[in-house]
Amino acid sequence: MDWHNAIELLPEPYRRGLRLREEGVGDAAIAAAVDVQPEALDAFLALAEAKLRRIVQRPVGDAPEGRGDGTSAIHHGGSA
């Protein structure tokens, strides 16, 4: 899977952060957009990149761990 398709499977804050960085947006603006402290942005983006690499390297046909919206694809109790 390529980067542009894989990024769609990331939870929204990670997807937004990576896209903003790709567009050349400054660190302070990215931190504000994804609601993290500026000093935590490097770690946040590193985590986003690691998640993206894991998706890109996943064999075709493997189900994603989540729905791309930050929620789990597995229902844990309660009624649907």
C-alpha atoms as a PDB file:
ATOM      1  CA  MET A   1       0.000   0.000   0.000  1.00  0.00           C
ATOM      2  CA  ASP A   2       1.349   3.444  -0.787  1.00  0.00           C
ATOM      3  CA  TRP A   3       1.629   6.401   1.591  1.00  0.00           C
ATOM      4  CA  HIS A   4      -1.342   8.302   0.149  1.00  0.00           C
ATOM      5  CA  ASN A   5      -3.717   5.367   0.623  1.00  0.00           C
ATOM      6  CA  ALA A   6      -2.241   4.281   3.953  1.00  0.00           C
ATOM      7  CA  ILE A   7      -2.551   7.721   5.541  1.00  0.00           C
ATOM      8  CA  GLU A   8      -6.334   7.462   5.183  1.00  0.00           C
ATOM      9  CA  LEU A   9      -6.271   4.577   7.676  1.00  0.00           C
ATOM     10  CA  LEU A  10      -4.593   6.622  10.415  1.00  0.00           C
ATOM     11  CA  PRO A  11      -6.615   8.189  13.218  1.00  0.00           C
ATOM     12  CA  GLU A  12      -7.511  11.744  12.246  1.00  0.00           C
ATOM     13  CA  PRO A  13      -5.013  13.687  14.425  1.00  0.00           C
ATOM     14  CA  TYR A  14      -2.060  11.685  13.076  1.00  0.00           C
ATOM     15  CA  ARG A  15      -3.329  12.023   9.517  1.00  0.00           C
ATOM     16  CA  ARG A  16      -3.744  15.790   9.933  1.00  0.00           C
ATOM     17  CA  GLY A  17      -0.313  16.234  11.503  1.00  0.00           C
ATOM     18  CA  LEU A  18       1.507  14.358   8.743  1.00  0.00           C
ATOM     19  CA  ARG A  19      -0.410  16.158   6.001  1.00  0.00           C
ATOM     20  CA  LEU A  20       0.279  19.574   7.497  1.00  0.00           C
ATOM     21  CA  ARG A  21       3.983  18.778   7.816  1.00  0.00           C
ATOM     22  CA  GLU A  22       4.029  17.575   4.188  1.00  0.00           C
ATOM     23  CA  GLU A  23       2.475  20.919   3.183  1.00  0.00           C
ATOM     24  CA  GLY A  24       5.282  22.790   4.961  1.00  0.00           C
ATOM     25  CA  VAL A  25       3.178  24.163   7.805  1.00  0.00           C
ATOM     26  CA  GLY A  26       5.204  25.334  10.804  1.00  0.00           C
ATOM     27  CA  ASP A  27       5.559  23.290  13.968  1.00  0.00           C
ATOM     28  CA  ALA A  28       3.572  25.675  16.174  1.00  0.00           C
ATOM     29  CA  ALA A  29       0.600  25.597  13.792  1.00  0.00           C
ATOM     30  CA  ILE A  30       0.736  21.799  13.493  1.00  0.00           C
ATOM     31  CA  ALA A  31       0.860  21.413  17.285  1.00  0.00           C
ATOM     32  CA  ALA A  32      -2.184  23.648  17.645  1.00  0.00           C
ATOM     33  CA  ALA A  33      -4.050  21.815  14.863  1.00  0.00           C
ATOM     34  CA  VAL A  34      -3.537  18.395  16.468  1.00  0.00           C
ATOM     35  CA  ASP A  35      -3.920  19.700  20.036  1.00  0.00           C
ATOM     36  CA  VAL A  36      -0.508  18.726  21.412  1.00  0.00           C
ATOM     37  CA  GLN A  37       2.050  20.808  23.263  1.00  0.00           C
ATOM     38  CA  PRO A  38       4.711  22.176  20.881  1.00  0.00           C
ATOM     39  CA  GLU A  39       7.458  20.358  22.815  1.00  0.00           C
ATOM     40  CA  ALA A  40       5.604  17.050  22.258  1.00  0.00           C
ATOM     41  CA  LEU A  41       5.179  17.515  18.495  1.00  0.00           C
ATOM     42  CA  ASP A  42       8.333  15.639  17.440  1.00  0.00           C
ATOM     43  CA  ALA A  43       7.288  12.573  19.450  1.00  0.00           C
ATOM     44  CA  PHE A  44       3.715  12.849  18.152  1.00  0.00           C
ATOM     45  CA  LEU A  45       4.857  12.958  14.519  1.00  0.00           C
ATOM     46  CA  ALA A  46       7.350  10.132  15.101  1.00  0.00           C
ATOM     47  CA  LEU A  47       4.493   8.009  16.423  1.00  0.00           C
ATOM     48  CA  ALA A  48       2.348   8.963  13.417  1.00  0.00           C
ATOM     49  CA  GLU A  49       5.169   7.932  11.079  1.00  0.00           C
ATOM     50  CA  ALA A  50       5.606   4.614  12.891  1.00  0.00           C
ATOM     51  CA  LYS A  51       1.883   3.909  12.603  1.00  0.00           C
ATOM     52  CA  LEU A  52       1.996   4.820   8.918  1.00  0.00           C
ATOM     53  CA  ARG A  53       5.005   2.540   8.279  1.00  0.00           C
ATOM     54  CA  ARG A  54       3.184  -0.313   9.980  1.00  0.00           C
ATOM     55  CA  ILE A  55       0.171   0.185   7.700  1.00  0.00           C
ATOM     56  CA  VAL A  56       2.314   0.483   4.564  1.00  0.00           C
ATOM     57  CA  GLN A  57       4.229  -2.695   5.440  1.00  0.00           C
ATOM     58  CA  ARG A  58       1.120  -4.704   6.378  1.00  0.00           C
ATOM     59  CA  PRO A  59       0.429  -7.514   3.913  1.00  0.00           C
ATOM     60  CA  VAL A  60      -2.393  -6.768   1.482  1.00  0.00           C
ATOM     61  CA  GLY A  61      -5.684  -8.119   2.790  1.00  0.00           C
ATOM     62  CA  ASP A  62      -4.881  -7.711   6.500  1.00  0.00           C
ATOM     63  CA  ALA A  63      -7.626  -5.782   8.267  1.00  0.00           C
ATOM     64  CA  PRO A  64      -6.674  -2.473   9.867  1.00  0.00           C
ATOM     65  CA  GLU A  65      -6.636  -2.301  13.675  1.00  0.00           C
ATOM     66  CA  GLY A  66      -9.078   0.590  13.716  1.00  0.00           C
ATOM     67  CA  ARG A  67     -11.416   2.412  11.426  1.00  0.00           C
ATOM     68  CA  GLY A  68      -9.141   5.401  10.816  1.00  0.00           C
ATOM     69  CA  ASP A  69     -11.168   7.561  13.176  1.00  0.00           C
ATOM     70  CA  GLY A  70      -9.254   6.756  16.332  1.00  0.00           C
ATOM     71  CA  THR A  71     -11.689   4.088  17.476  1.00  0.00           C
ATOM     72  CA  SER A  72     -11.228   0.365  17.626  1.00  0.00           C
ATOM     73  CA  ALA A  73     -12.848  -1.882  15.063  1.00  0.00           C
ATOM     74  CA  ILE A  74     -13.672  -4.305  17.883  1.00  0.00           C
ATOM     75  CA  HIS A  75     -16.828  -3.744  19.898  1.00  0.00           C
ATOM     76  CA  HIS A  76     -16.241  -4.127  23.644  1.00  0.00           C
ATOM     77  CA  GLY A  77     -19.524  -4.911  25.364  1.00  0.00           C
ATOM     78  CA  GLY A  78     -22.744  -2.979  25.581  1.00  0.00           C
ATOM     79  CA  SER A  79     -25.409  -2.875  22.932  1.00  0.00           C
ATOM     80  CA  ALA A  80     -24.746  -1.754  19.403  1.00  0.00           C
END
